[in-house]
PDB file of N, CA and C in Angstrom:
ATOM      1  N   MET A   1     -27.262   4.375  65.257  1.00  0.00           N
ATOM      2  CA  MET A   1     -26.526   4.341  64.029  1.00  0.00           C
ATOM      3  C   MET A   1     -27.512   4.337  62.877  1.00  0.00           C
ATOM      4  N   ALA A   2     -27.340   5.256  61.959  1.00  0.00           N
ATOM      5  CA  ALA A   2     -28.254   5.385  60.832  1.00  0.00           C
ATOM      6  C   ALA A   2     -27.847   4.434  59.714  1.00  0.00           C
ATOM      7  N   THR A   3     -28.838   3.940  59.007  1.00  0.00           N
ATOM      8  CA  THR A   3     -28.570   3.088  57.853  1.00  0.00           C
ATOM      9  C   THR A   3     -29.212   3.705  56.634  1.00  0.00           C
ATOM     10  N   CYS A   4     -28.555   3.538  55.503  1.00  0.00           N
ATOM     11  CA  CYS A   4     -29.102   4.047  54.248  1.00  0.00           C
ATOM     12  C   CYS A   4     -29.976   2.976  53.632  1.00  0.00           C
ATOM     13  N   PRO A   5     -31.079   3.396  53.067  1.00  0.00           N
ATOM     14  CA  PRO A   5     -31.890   2.407  52.355  1.00  0.00           C
ATOM     15  C   PRO A   5     -31.066   1.785  51.221  1.00  0.00           C
ATOM     16  N   MET A   6     -31.378   0.563  50.880  1.00  0.00           N
ATOM     17  CA  MET A   6     -30.618  -0.177  49.880  1.00  0.00           C
ATOM     18  C   MET A   6     -30.623   0.520  48.523  1.00  0.00           C
ATOM     19  N   ARG A   7     -31.639   1.245  48.195  1.00  0.00           N
ATOM     20  CA  ARG A   7     -31.712   1.885  46.877  1.00  0.00           C
ATOM     21  C   ARG A   7     -30.666   2.978  46.719  1.00  0.00           C
ATOM     22  N   PHE A   8     -30.152   3.554  47.792  1.00  0.00           N
ATOM     23  CA  PHE A   8     -29.116   4.577  47.687  1.00  0.00           C
ATOM     24  C   PHE A   8     -27.713   3.971  47.670  1.00  0.00           C
ATOM     25  N   GLN A   9     -27.559   2.763  48.141  1.00  0.00           N
ATOM     26  CA  GLN A   9     -26.242   2.137  48.183  1.00  0.00           C
ATOM     27  C   GLN A   9     -25.819   1.577  46.829  1.00  0.00           C
ATOM     28  N   ARG A  10     -26.715   1.095  46.043  1.00  0.00           N
ATOM     29  CA  ARG A  10     -26.374   0.438  44.780  1.00  0.00           C
ATOM     30  C   ARG A  10     -25.668   1.365  43.799  1.00  0.00           C
ATOM     31  N   PRO A  11     -26.131   2.598  43.570  1.00  0.00           N
ATOM     32  CA  PRO A  11     -25.399   3.451  42.625  1.00  0.00           C
ATOM     33  C   PRO A  11     -23.958   3.696  43.056  1.00  0.00           C
ATOM     34  N   TRP A  12     -23.733   3.827  44.357  1.00  0.00           N
ATOM     35  CA  TRP A  12     -22.372   4.040  44.829  1.00  0.00           C
ATOM     36  C   TRP A  12     -21.501   2.810  44.604  1.00  0.00           C
ATOM     37  N   LEU A  13     -22.063   1.645  44.815  1.00  0.00           N
ATOM     38  CA  LEU A  13     -21.310   0.416  44.579  1.00  0.00           C
ATOM     39  C   LEU A  13     -20.946   0.279  43.103  1.00  0.00           C
ATOM     40  N   LEU A  14     -21.880   0.598  42.228  1.00  0.00           N
ATOM     41  CA  LEU A  14     -21.597   0.546  40.794  1.00  0.00           C
ATOM     42  C   LEU A  14     -20.544   1.581  40.405  1.00  0.00           C
ATOM     43  N   TYR A  15     -20.630   2.746  40.993  1.00  0.00           N
ATOM     44  CA  TYR A  15     -19.650   3.801  40.721  1.00  0.00           C
ATOM     45  C   TYR A  15     -18.251   3.367  41.153  1.00  0.00           C
ATOM     46  N   ILE A  16     -18.132   2.781  42.321  1.00  0.00           N
ATOM     47  CA  ILE A  16     -16.834   2.323  42.828  1.00  0.00           C
ATOM     48  C   ILE A  16     -16.295   1.188  41.959  1.00  0.00           C
ATOM     49  N   LEU A  17     -17.145   0.267  41.550  1.00  0.00           N
ATOM     50  CA  LEU A  17     -16.721  -0.829  40.688  1.00  0.00           C
ATOM     51  C   LEU A  17     -16.226  -0.299  39.345  1.00  0.00           C
ATOM     52  N   HIS A  18     -16.944   0.632  38.771  1.00  0.00           N
ATOM     53  CA  HIS A  18     -16.552   1.245  37.494  1.00  0.00           C
ATOM     54  C   HIS A  18     -15.207   1.953  37.629  1.00  0.00           C
ATOM     55  N   LEU A  19     -15.019   2.686  38.700  1.00  0.00           N
ATOM     56  CA  LEU A  19     -13.762   3.393  38.952  1.00  0.00           C
ATOM     57  C   LEU A  19     -12.603   2.405  39.097  1.00  0.00           C
ATOM     58  N   TYR A  20     -12.834   1.319  39.781  1.00  0.00           N
ATOM     59  CA  TYR A  20     -11.818   0.283  39.964  1.00  0.00           C
ATOM     60  C   TYR A  20     -11.387  -0.306  38.620  1.00  0.00           C
ATOM     61  N   ILE A  21     -12.345  -0.586  37.759  1.00  0.00           N
ATOM     62  CA  ILE A  21     -12.043  -1.150  36.442  1.00  0.00           C
ATOM     63  C   ILE A  21     -11.237  -0.159  35.611  1.00  0.00           C
ATOM     64  N   LEU A  22     -11.602   1.109  35.635  1.00  0.00           N
ATOM     65  CA  LEU A  22     -10.870   2.124  34.870  1.00  0.00           C
ATOM     66  C   LEU A  22      -9.436   2.273  35.356  1.00  0.00           C
ATOM     67  N   VAL A  23      -9.241   2.285  36.641  1.00  0.00           N
ATOM     68  CA  VAL A  23      -7.893   2.441  37.197  1.00  0.00           C
ATOM     69  C   VAL A  23      -7.023   1.254  36.817  1.00  0.00           C
ATOM     70  N   ASN A  24      -7.537   0.051  36.940  1.00  0.00           N
ATOM     71  CA  ASN A  24      -6.750  -1.129  36.605  1.00  0.00           C
ATOM     72  C   ASN A  24      -6.479  -1.228  35.121  1.00  0.00           C
ATOM     73  N   LYS A  25      -7.412  -0.819  34.287  1.00  0.00           N
ATOM     74  CA  LYS A  25      -7.217  -0.863  32.844  1.00  0.00           C
ATOM     75  C   LYS A  25      -6.125   0.119  32.434  1.00  0.00           C
ATOM     76  N   ASN A  26      -6.128   1.315  32.985  1.00  0.00           N
ATOM     77  CA  ASN A  26      -5.148   2.331  32.634  1.00  0.00           C
ATOM     78  C   ASN A  26      -3.800   2.082  33.294  1.00  0.00           C
ATOM     79  N   GLY A  27      -3.732   1.215  34.268  1.00  0.00           N
ATOM     80  CA  GLY A  27      -2.495   0.959  34.972  1.00  0.00           C
ATOM     81  C   GLY A  27      -1.619  -0.096  34.304  1.00  0.00           C
ATOM     82  N   ALA A  28      -2.064  -0.651  33.199  1.00  0.00           N
ATOM     83  CA  ALA A  28      -1.300  -1.690  32.526  1.00  0.00           C
ATOM     84  C   ALA A  28      -0.275  -1.076  31.587  1.00  0.00           C
ATOM     85  N   ILE A  29       0.870  -1.731  31.487  1.00  0.00           N
ATOM     86  CA  ILE A  29       1.922  -1.262  30.592  1.00  0.00           C
ATOM     87  C   ILE A  29       1.544  -1.607  29.147  1.00  0.00           C
ATOM     88  N   SER A  30       1.990  -0.790  28.219  1.00  0.00           N
ATOM     89  CA  SER A  30       1.671  -0.989  26.809  1.00  0.00           C
ATOM     90  C   SER A  30       2.421  -2.198  26.254  1.00  0.00           C
ATOM     91  N   PRO A  31       1.969  -2.734  25.117  1.00  0.00           N
ATOM     92  CA  PRO A  31       2.701  -3.839  24.479  1.00  0.00           C
ATOM     93  C   PRO A  31       4.140  -3.443  24.126  1.00  0.00           C
ATOM     94  N   ASP A  32       4.359  -2.195  23.711  1.00  0.00           N
ATOM     95  CA  ASP A  32       5.726  -1.740  23.432  1.00  0.00           C
ATOM     96  C   ASP A  32       6.556  -1.766  24.707  1.00  0.00           C
ATOM     97  N   GLY A  33       5.969  -1.358  25.816  1.00  0.00           N
ATOM     98  CA  GLY A  33       6.668  -1.389  27.097  1.00  0.00           C
ATOM     99  C   GLY A  33       7.021  -2.808  27.509  1.00  0.00           C
ATOM    100  N   GLU A  34       6.108  -3.744  27.274  1.00  0.00           N
ATOM    101  CA  GLU A  34       6.380  -5.144  27.589  1.00  0.00           C
ATOM    102  C   GLU A  34       7.545  -5.670  26.761  1.00  0.00           C
ATOM    103  N   ALA A  35       7.588  -5.315  25.471  1.00  0.00           N
ATOM    104  CA  ALA A  35       8.686  -5.753  24.600  1.00  0.00           C
ATOM    105  C   ALA A  35      10.014  -5.177  25.077  1.00  0.00           C
ATOM    106  N   LEU A  36      10.010  -3.922  25.486  1.00  0.00           N
ATOM    107  CA  LEU A  36      11.237  -3.295  25.978  1.00  0.00           C
ATOM    108  C   LEU A  36      11.703  -3.928  27.286  1.00  0.00           C
ATOM    109  N   LEU A  37      10.781  -4.289  28.147  1.00  0.00           N
ATOM    110  CA  LEU A  37      11.155  -4.945  29.407  1.00  0.00           C
ATOM    111  C   LEU A  37      11.748  -6.331  29.146  1.00  0.00           C
ATOM    112  N   ARG A  38      11.221  -7.052  28.154  1.00  0.00           N
ATOM    113  CA  ARG A  38      11.792  -8.357  27.809  1.00  0.00           C
ATOM    114  C   ARG A  38      13.196  -8.180  27.217  1.00  0.00           C
ATOM    115  N   PHE A  39      13.393  -7.121  26.426  1.00  0.00           N
ATOM    116  CA  PHE A  39      14.728  -6.793  25.921  1.00  0.00           C
ATOM    117  C   PHE A  39      15.664  -6.528  27.102  1.00  0.00           C
ATOM    118  N   ARG A  40      15.199  -5.719  28.041  1.00  0.00           N
ATOM    119  CA  ARG A  40      15.999  -5.388  29.233  1.00  0.00           C
ATOM    120  C   ARG A  40      16.384  -6.637  30.007  1.00  0.00           C
ATOM    121  N   ASN A  41      15.445  -7.568  30.156  1.00  0.00           N
ATOM    122  CA  ASN A  41      15.703  -8.773  30.937  1.00  0.00           C
ATOM    123  C   ASN A  41      16.739  -9.688  30.284  1.00  0.00           C
ATOM    124  N   ALA A  42      16.920  -9.570  28.964  1.00  0.00           N
ATOM    125  CA  ALA A  42      17.912 -10.396  28.264  1.00  0.00           C
ATOM    126  C   ALA A  42      19.323  -9.829  28.409  1.00  0.00           C
ATOM    127  N   ILE A  43      19.439  -8.570  28.805  1.00  0.00           N
ATOM    128  CA  ILE A  43      20.741  -7.925  28.936  1.00  0.00           C
ATOM    129  C   ILE A  43      21.397  -8.376  30.242  1.00  0.00           C
ATOM    130  N   ILE A  44      22.661  -8.760  30.141  1.00  0.00           N
ATOM    131  CA  ILE A  44      23.383  -9.279  31.294  1.00  0.00           C
ATOM    132  C   ILE A  44      23.985  -8.152  32.128  1.00  0.00           C
ATOM    133  N   SER A  45      24.531  -7.125  31.459  1.00  0.00           N
ATOM    134  CA  SER A  45      25.121  -6.012  32.196  1.00  0.00           C
ATOM    135  C   SER A  45      24.991  -4.723  31.386  1.00  0.00           C
ATOM    136  N   SER A  46      25.064  -3.600  32.105  1.00  0.00           N
ATOM    137  CA  SER A  46      24.992  -2.284  31.463  1.00  0.00           C
ATOM    138  C   SER A  46      25.627  -1.260  32.401  1.00  0.00           C
ATOM    139  N   ASP A  47      25.603  -0.015  31.963  1.00  0.00           N
ATOM    140  CA  ASP A  47      26.141   1.053  32.813  1.00  0.00           C
ATOM    141  C   ASP A  47      25.104   1.594  33.787  1.00  0.00           C
ATOM    142  N   GLY A  48      23.953   0.961  33.849  1.00  0.00           N
ATOM    143  CA  GLY A  48      22.927   1.374  34.807  1.00  0.00           C
ATOM    144  C   GLY A  48      21.707   2.029  34.190  1.00  0.00           C
ATOM    145  N   ILE A  49      21.653   2.150  32.869  1.00  0.00           N
ATOM    146  CA  ILE A  49      20.497   2.803  32.242  1.00  0.00           C
ATOM    147  C   ILE A  49      19.239   1.932  32.302  1.00  0.00           C
ATOM    148  N   LEU A  50      19.374   0.633  32.083  1.00  0.00           N
ATOM    149  CA  LEU A  50      18.189  -0.226  31.975  1.00  0.00           C
ATOM    150  C   LEU A  50      17.436  -0.441  33.279  1.00  0.00           C
ATOM    151  N   PRO A  51      18.096  -0.471  34.429  1.00  0.00           N
ATOM    152  CA  PRO A  51      17.311  -0.581  35.666  1.00  0.00           C
ATOM    153  C   PRO A  51      16.366   0.609  35.886  1.00  0.00           C
ATOM    154  N   LEU A  52      16.603   1.705  35.180  1.00  0.00           N
ATOM    155  CA  LEU A  52      15.694   2.852  35.284  1.00  0.00           C
ATOM    156  C   LEU A  52      14.369   2.592  34.571  1.00  0.00           C
ATOM    157  N   TRP A  53      14.350   1.590  33.700  1.00  0.00           N
ATOM    158  CA  TRP A  53      13.105   1.181  33.043  1.00  0.00           C
ATOM    159  C   TRP A  53      12.362   0.296  34.025  1.00  0.00           C
ATOM    160  N   ARG A  54      11.333   0.810  34.617  1.00  0.00           N
ATOM    161  CA  ARG A  54      10.634   0.084  35.675  1.00  0.00           C
ATOM    162  C   ARG A  54       9.248  -0.350  35.205  1.00  0.00           C
ATOM    163  N   PRO A  55       8.872  -1.593  35.487  1.00  0.00           N
ATOM    164  CA  PRO A  55       7.550  -2.083  35.093  1.00  0.00           C
ATOM    165  C   PRO A  55       6.412  -1.275  35.707  1.00  0.00           C
ATOM    166  N   GLU A  56       6.678  -0.611  36.823  1.00  0.00           N
ATOM    167  CA  GLU A  56       5.637   0.192  37.476  1.00  0.00           C
ATOM    168  C   GLU A  56       5.314   1.450  36.661  1.00  0.00           C
ATOM    169  N   ASP A  57       6.243   1.886  35.820  1.00  0.00           N
ATOM    170  CA  ASP A  57       6.011   3.040  34.951  1.00  0.00           C
ATOM    171  C   ASP A  57       5.233   2.552  33.740  1.00  0.00           C
ATOM    172  N   THR A  58       3.976   2.875  33.676  1.00  0.00           N
ATOM    173  CA  THR A  58       3.127   2.328  32.625  1.00  0.00           C
ATOM    174  C   THR A  58       3.393   2.944  31.258  1.00  0.00           C
ATOM    175  N   ASP A  59       4.154   4.029  31.204  1.00  0.00           N
ATOM    176  CA  ASP A  59       4.417   4.692  29.935  1.00  0.00           C
ATOM    177  C   ASP A  59       5.905   4.617  29.601  1.00  0.00           C
ATOM    178  N   PRO A  60       6.306   3.697  28.710  1.00  0.00           N
ATOM    179  CA  PRO A  60       7.726   3.579  28.358  1.00  0.00           C
ATOM    180  C   PRO A  60       8.249   4.801  27.607  1.00  0.00           C
ATOM    181  N   CYS A  61       7.375   5.665  27.171  1.00  0.00           N
ATOM    182  CA  CYS A  61       7.794   6.872  26.445  1.00  0.00           C
ATOM    183  C   CYS A  61       8.608   7.808  27.333  1.00  0.00           C
ATOM    184  N   ASN A  62       8.545   7.636  28.635  1.00  0.00           N
ATOM    185  CA  ASN A  62       9.317   8.452  29.563  1.00  0.00           C
ATOM    186  C   ASN A  62      10.654   7.816  29.932  1.00  0.00           C
ATOM    187  N   TRP A  63      10.915   6.615  29.442  1.00  0.00           N
ATOM    188  CA  TRP A  63      12.157   5.924  29.760  1.00  0.00           C
ATOM    189  C   TRP A  63      13.305   6.530  28.979  1.00  0.00           C
ATOM    190  N   ARG A  64      14.471   6.540  29.600  1.00  0.00           N
ATOM    191  CA  ARG A  64      15.660   7.078  28.963  1.00  0.00           C
ATOM    192  C   ARG A  64      16.049   6.243  27.754  1.00  0.00           C
ATOM    193  N   GLY A  65      16.294   6.904  26.636  1.00  0.00           N
ATOM    194  CA  GLY A  65      16.672   6.222  25.402  1.00  0.00           C
ATOM    195  C   GLY A  65      15.500   5.856  24.521  1.00  0.00           C
ATOM    196  N   VAL A  66      14.281   6.086  24.995  1.00  0.00           N
ATOM    197  CA  VAL A  66      13.066   5.721  24.264  1.00  0.00           C
ATOM    198  C   VAL A  66      12.339   6.986  23.835  1.00  0.00           C
ATOM    199  N   THR A  67      11.976   7.048  22.568  1.00  0.00           N
ATOM    200  CA  THR A  67      11.174   8.156  22.052  1.00  0.00           C
ATOM    201  C   THR A  67       9.934   7.565  21.395  1.00  0.00           C
ATOM    202  N   CYS A  68       8.788   8.183  21.652  1.00  0.00           N
ATOM    203  CA  CYS A  68       7.523   7.701  21.096  1.00  0.00           C
ATOM    204  C   CYS A  68       6.896   8.751  20.194  1.00  0.00           C
ATOM    205  N   ASP A  69       6.032   8.292  19.324  1.00  0.00           N
ATOM    206  CA  ASP A  69       5.208   9.181  18.524  1.00  0.00           C
ATOM    207  C   ASP A  69       4.232   9.871  19.472  1.00  0.00           C
ATOM    208  N   LEU A  70       4.107  11.171  19.344  1.00  0.00           N
ATOM    209  CA  LEU A  70       3.263  11.927  20.279  1.00  0.00           C
ATOM    210  C   LEU A  70       1.788  11.548  20.190  1.00  0.00           C
ATOM    211  N   LYS A  71       1.321  11.201  19.000  1.00  0.00           N
ATOM    212  CA  LYS A  71      -0.099  10.875  18.834  1.00  0.00           C
ATOM    213  C   LYS A  71      -0.412   9.436  19.235  1.00  0.00           C
ATOM    214  N   THR A  72       0.384   8.503  18.720  1.00  0.00           N
ATOM    215  CA  THR A  72       0.061   7.091  18.928  1.00  0.00           C
ATOM    216  C   THR A  72       0.660   6.503  20.193  1.00  0.00           C
ATOM    217  N   LYS A  73       1.675   7.185  20.772  1.00  0.00           N
ATOM    218  CA  LYS A  73       2.384   6.702  21.957  1.00  0.00           C
ATOM    219  C   LYS A  73       3.112   5.383  21.686  1.00  0.00           C
ATOM    220  N   ARG A  74       3.422   5.099  20.420  1.00  0.00           N
ATOM    221  CA  ARG A  74       4.183   3.912  20.046  1.00  0.00           C
ATOM    222  C   ARG A  74       5.662   4.266  19.957  1.00  0.00           C
ATOM    223  N   VAL A  75       6.534   3.341  20.315  1.00  0.00           N
ATOM    224  CA  VAL A  75       7.974   3.568  20.289  1.00  0.00           C
ATOM    225  C   VAL A  75       8.431   3.695  18.835  1.00  0.00           C
ATOM    226  N   ILE A  76       9.118   4.814  18.543  1.00  0.00           N
ATOM    227  CA  ILE A  76       9.639   5.029  17.192  1.00  0.00           C
ATOM    228  C   ILE A  76      11.163   5.139  17.171  1.00  0.00           C
ATOM    229  N   TYR A  77      11.778   5.330  18.328  1.00  0.00           N
ATOM    230  CA  TYR A  77      13.213   5.566  18.391  1.00  0.00           C
ATOM    231  C   TYR A  77      13.756   4.928  19.660  1.00  0.00           C
ATOM    232  N   LEU A  78      14.753   4.064  19.493  1.00  0.00           N
ATOM    233  CA  LEU A  78      15.401   3.439  20.636  1.00  0.00           C
ATOM    234  C   LEU A  78      16.894   3.673  20.498  1.00  0.00           C
ATOM    235  N   SER A  79      17.435   4.507  21.366  1.00  0.00           N
ATOM    236  CA  SER A  79      18.847   4.867  21.320  1.00  0.00           C
ATOM    237  C   SER A  79      19.533   4.459  22.616  1.00  0.00           C
ATOM    238  N   LEU A  80      20.298   3.378  22.534  1.00  0.00           N
ATOM    239  CA  LEU A  80      21.024   2.869  23.691  1.00  0.00           C
ATOM    240  C   LEU A  80      22.499   2.696  23.352  1.00  0.00           C
ATOM    241  N   LYS A  81      23.026   3.592  22.559  1.00  0.00           N
ATOM    242  CA  LYS A  81      24.435   3.514  22.155  1.00  0.00           C
ATOM    243  C   LYS A  81      25.335   3.906  23.328  1.00  0.00           C
ATOM    244  N   ASN A  82      26.509   3.264  23.375  1.00  0.00           N
ATOM    245  CA  ASN A  82      27.534   3.586  24.377  1.00  0.00           C
ATOM    246  C   ASN A  82      27.077   3.389  25.827  1.00  0.00           C
ATOM    247  N   HIS A  83      26.310   2.357  26.105  1.00  0.00           N
ATOM    248  CA  HIS A  83      25.854   2.118  27.478  1.00  0.00           C
ATOM    249  C   HIS A  83      26.397   0.822  28.069  1.00  0.00           C
ATOM    250  N   LYS A  84      27.427   0.269  27.451  1.00  0.00           N
ATOM    251  CA  LYS A  84      28.090  -0.941  27.958  1.00  0.00           C
ATOM    252  C   LYS A  84      27.109  -2.099  28.128  1.00  0.00           C
ATOM    253  N   LEU A  85      26.137  -2.188  27.213  1.00  0.00           N
ATOM    254  CA  LEU A  85      25.169  -3.283  27.257  1.00  0.00           C
ATOM    255  C   LEU A  85      25.858  -4.560  26.813  1.00  0.00           C
ATOM    256  N   SER A  86      25.582  -5.640  27.495  1.00  0.00           N
ATOM    257  CA  SER A  86      26.155  -6.931  27.158  1.00  0.00           C
ATOM    258  C   SER A  86      25.057  -7.979  27.209  1.00  0.00           C
ATOM    259  N   GLY A  87      25.002  -8.800  26.159  1.00  0.00           N
ATOM    260  CA  GLY A  87      24.005  -9.853  26.097  1.00  0.00           C
ATOM    261  C   GLY A  87      23.488 -10.009  24.682  1.00  0.00           C
ATOM    262  N   PRO A  88      22.528 -10.889  24.506  1.00  0.00           N
ATOM    263  CA  PRO A  88      21.937 -11.069  23.177  1.00  0.00           C
ATOM    264  C   PRO A  88      20.911  -9.968  22.887  1.00  0.00           C
ATOM    265  N   ILE A  89      20.671  -9.748  21.603  1.00  0.00           N
ATOM    266  CA  ILE A  89      19.603  -8.824  21.207  1.00  0.00           C
ATOM    267  C   ILE A  89      18.297  -9.611  21.231  1.00  0.00           C
ATOM    268  N   SER A  90      17.377  -9.188  22.039  1.00  0.00           N
ATOM    269  CA  SER A  90      16.118  -9.912  22.214  1.00  0.00           C
ATOM    270  C   SER A  90      15.256  -9.837  20.956  1.00  0.00           C
ATOM    271  N   PRO A  91      14.683 -10.964  20.546  1.00  0.00           N
ATOM    272  CA  PRO A  91      13.750 -10.953  19.417  1.00  0.00           C
ATOM    273  C   PRO A  91      12.489 -10.132  19.703  1.00  0.00           C
ATOM    274  N   ASP A  92      12.254  -9.811  20.982  1.00  0.00           N
ATOM    275  CA  ASP A  92      11.081  -9.013  21.342  1.00  0.00           C
ATOM    276  C   ASP A  92      11.133  -7.607  20.755  1.00  0.00           C
ATOM    277  N   LEU A  93      12.320  -7.138  20.359  1.00  0.00           N
ATOM    278  CA  LEU A  93      12.390  -5.827  19.710  1.00  0.00           C
ATOM    279  C   LEU A  93      11.604  -5.823  18.408  1.00  0.00           C
ATOM    280  N   GLY A  94      11.394  -6.987  17.823  1.00  0.00           N
ATOM    281  CA  GLY A  94      10.591  -7.095  16.609  1.00  0.00           C
ATOM    282  C   GLY A  94       9.127  -6.749  16.825  1.00  0.00           C
ATOM    283  N   LYS A  95       8.703  -6.660  18.080  1.00  0.00           N
ATOM    284  CA  LYS A  95       7.318  -6.276  18.388  1.00  0.00           C
ATOM    285  C   LYS A  95       7.123  -4.765  18.360  1.00  0.00           C
ATOM    286  N   LEU A  96       8.227  -4.024  18.226  1.00  0.00           N
ATOM    287  CA  LEU A  96       8.136  -2.563  18.128  1.00  0.00           C
ATOM    288  C   LEU A  96       7.887  -2.217  16.660  1.00  0.00           C
ATOM    289  N   GLU A  97       6.677  -2.470  16.210  1.00  0.00           N
ATOM    290  CA  GLU A  97       6.326  -2.398  14.793  1.00  0.00           C
ATOM    291  C   GLU A  97       6.510  -1.021  14.170  1.00  0.00           C
ATOM    292  N   HIS A  98       6.494   0.028  14.973  1.00  0.00           N
ATOM    293  CA  HIS A  98       6.610   1.389  14.438  1.00  0.00           C
ATOM    294  C   HIS A  98       8.010   1.975  14.629  1.00  0.00           C
ATOM    295  N   LEU A  99       8.944   1.130  15.039  1.00  0.00           N
ATOM    296  CA  LEU A  99      10.314   1.570  15.282  1.00  0.00           C
ATOM    297  C   LEU A  99      10.940   2.076  13.977  1.00  0.00           C
ATOM    298  N   ARG A 100      11.476   3.284  14.024  1.00  0.00           N
ATOM    299  CA  ARG A 100      12.134   3.889  12.858  1.00  0.00           C
ATOM    300  C   ARG A 100      13.644   3.886  12.998  1.00  0.00           C
ATOM    301  N   VAL A 101      14.133   4.067  14.229  1.00  0.00           N
ATOM    302  CA  VAL A 101      15.575   4.126  14.479  1.00  0.00           C
ATOM    303  C   VAL A 101      15.905   3.194  15.646  1.00  0.00           C
ATOM    304  N   LEU A 102      16.907   2.346  15.412  1.00  0.00           N
ATOM    305  CA  LEU A 102      17.415   1.457  16.445  1.00  0.00           C
ATOM    306  C   LEU A 102      18.918   1.681  16.533  1.00  0.00           C
ATOM    307  N   ALA A 103      19.353   2.371  17.566  1.00  0.00           N
ATOM    308  CA  ALA A 103      20.761   2.714  17.740  1.00  0.00           C
ATOM    309  C   ALA A 103      21.320   1.943  18.933  1.00  0.00           C
ATOM    310  N   LEU A 104      22.032   0.865  18.642  1.00  0.00           N
ATOM    311  CA  LEU A 104      22.585   0.003  19.683  1.00  0.00           C
ATOM    312  C   LEU A 104      24.102  -0.121  19.571  1.00  0.00           C
ATOM    313  N   TYR A 105      24.744   0.734  18.817  1.00  0.00           N
ATOM    314  CA  TYR A 105      26.174   0.568  18.569  1.00  0.00           C
ATOM    315  C   TYR A 105      27.017   0.938  19.784  1.00  0.00           C
ATOM    316  N   ASN A 106      28.286   0.476  19.721  1.00  0.00           N
ATOM    317  CA  ASN A 106      29.264   0.641  20.800  1.00  0.00           C
ATOM    318  C   ASN A 106      28.804  -0.008  22.109  1.00  0.00           C
ATOM    319  N   ASN A 107      28.294  -1.216  21.978  1.00  0.00           N
ATOM    320  CA  ASN A 107      27.933  -2.064  23.108  1.00  0.00           C
ATOM    321  C   ASN A 107      28.573  -3.424  22.873  1.00  0.00           C
ATOM    322  N   ASN A 108      28.228  -4.407  23.654  1.00  0.00           N
ATOM    323  CA  ASN A 108      28.830  -5.730  23.535  1.00  0.00           C
ATOM    324  C   ASN A 108      27.743  -6.790  23.343  1.00  0.00           C
ATOM    325  N   PHE A 109      26.988  -6.668  22.259  1.00  0.00           N
ATOM    326  CA  PHE A 109      25.967  -7.661  21.952  1.00  0.00           C
ATOM    327  C   PHE A 109      26.616  -8.867  21.291  1.00  0.00           C
ATOM    328  N   TYR A 110      26.045 -10.031  21.508  1.00  0.00           N
ATOM    329  CA  TYR A 110      26.556 -11.239  20.867  1.00  0.00           C
ATOM    330  C   TYR A 110      25.381 -12.089  20.409  1.00  0.00           C
ATOM    331  N   GLY A 111      25.690 -13.073  19.602  1.00  0.00           N
ATOM    332  CA  GLY A 111      24.651 -13.924  19.041  1.00  0.00           C
ATOM    333  C   GLY A 111      24.204 -13.379  17.698  1.00  0.00           C
ATOM    334  N   THR A 112      23.141 -13.930  17.193  1.00  0.00           N
ATOM    335  CA  THR A 112      22.650 -13.529  15.877  1.00  0.00           C
ATOM    336  C   THR A 112      21.661 -12.367  15.998  1.00  0.00           C
ATOM    337  N   ILE A 113      21.525 -11.659  14.900  1.00  0.00           N
ATOM    338  CA  ILE A 113      20.508 -10.602  14.833  1.00  0.00           C
ATOM    339  C   ILE A 113      19.169 -11.307  14.638  1.00  0.00           C
ATOM    340  N   PRO A 114      18.225 -11.084  15.523  1.00  0.00           N
ATOM    341  CA  PRO A 114      16.945 -11.805  15.432  1.00  0.00           C
ATOM    342  C   PRO A 114      16.189 -11.486  14.141  1.00  0.00           C
ATOM    343  N   SER A 115      15.685 -12.515  13.513  1.00  0.00           N
ATOM    344  CA  SER A 115      14.903 -12.321  12.282  1.00  0.00           C
ATOM    345  C   SER A 115      13.620 -11.536  12.558  1.00  0.00           C
ATOM    346  N   GLU A 116      13.170 -11.534  13.805  1.00  0.00           N
ATOM    347  CA  GLU A 116      11.954 -10.794  14.178  1.00  0.00           C
ATOM    348  C   GLU A 116      12.088  -9.294  13.931  1.00  0.00           C
ATOM    349  N   LEU A 117      13.326  -8.788  13.863  1.00  0.00           N
ATOM    350  CA  LEU A 117      13.501  -7.372  13.569  1.00  0.00           C
ATOM    351  C   LEU A 117      12.950  -7.012  12.185  1.00  0.00           C
ATOM    352  N   GLY A 118      12.743  -8.028  11.356  1.00  0.00           N
ATOM    353  CA  GLY A 118      12.103  -7.805  10.055  1.00  0.00           C
ATOM    354  C   GLY A 118      10.665  -7.331  10.187  1.00  0.00           C
ATOM    355  N   ASN A 119      10.071  -7.502  11.359  1.00  0.00           N
ATOM    356  CA  ASN A 119       8.713  -6.993  11.603  1.00  0.00           C
ATOM    357  C   ASN A 119       8.694  -5.479  11.746  1.00  0.00           C
ATOM    358  N   CYS A 120       9.852  -4.888  11.987  1.00  0.00           N
ATOM    359  CA  CYS A 120       9.970  -3.429  12.140  1.00  0.00           C
ATOM    360  C   CYS A 120      10.134  -2.831  10.744  1.00  0.00           C
ATOM    361  N   THR A 121       9.052  -2.780  10.016  1.00  0.00           N
ATOM    362  CA  THR A 121       9.111  -2.389   8.603  1.00  0.00           C
ATOM    363  C   THR A 121       9.369  -0.898   8.393  1.00  0.00           C
ATOM    364  N   GLU A 122       9.313  -0.104   9.451  1.00  0.00           N
ATOM    365  CA  GLU A 122       9.551   1.334   9.316  1.00  0.00           C
ATOM    366  C   GLU A 122      10.996   1.727   9.659  1.00  0.00           C
ATOM    367  N   LEU A 123      11.867   0.729   9.930  1.00  0.00           N
ATOM    368  CA  LEU A 123      13.256   1.025  10.258  1.00  0.00           C
ATOM    369  C   LEU A 123      13.915   1.755   9.085  1.00  0.00           C
ATOM    370  N   GLN A 124      14.696   2.774   9.436  1.00  0.00           N
ATOM    371  CA  GLN A 124      15.393   3.579   8.437  1.00  0.00           C
ATOM    372  C   GLN A 124      16.889   3.449   8.638  1.00  0.00           C
ATOM    373  N   GLY A 125      17.635   3.504   7.536  1.00  0.00           N
ATOM    374  CA  GLY A 125      19.089   3.489   7.623  1.00  0.00           C
ATOM    375  C   GLY A 125      19.599   4.832   8.090  1.00  0.00           C
ATOM    376  N   MET A 126      20.735   4.821   8.739  1.00  0.00           N
ATOM    377  CA  MET A 126      21.313   6.070   9.231  1.00  0.00           C
ATOM    378  C   MET A 126      22.557   6.414   8.449  1.00  0.00           C
TER     379      MET A 126
END
């Protein structure tokens, strides 16, 4: 059985370690995705749209009802109208700082409108 001298093994070990770090760093969900998942977790019932938002999908821009800015990949549009959503509106939506449109009408939300939505300074009236 042949063995490699130690000087040839070290670069490969460093290469594998570097690759591991890059994969794990890129595999994390964005802060906008985390906020959307917390919103999803506060919802008690829906017509089935929210279970399609999966934590394993690191890019929430591909989730149904979510639109992102092409350059920044930040959520700018959240449209979940007419999906039979029931529950409180999560204050975590206030973390979507670049949100321009929030369409949640024709659902069954209850409770108060979170003051954190004031952090969404780019929200526009429709």
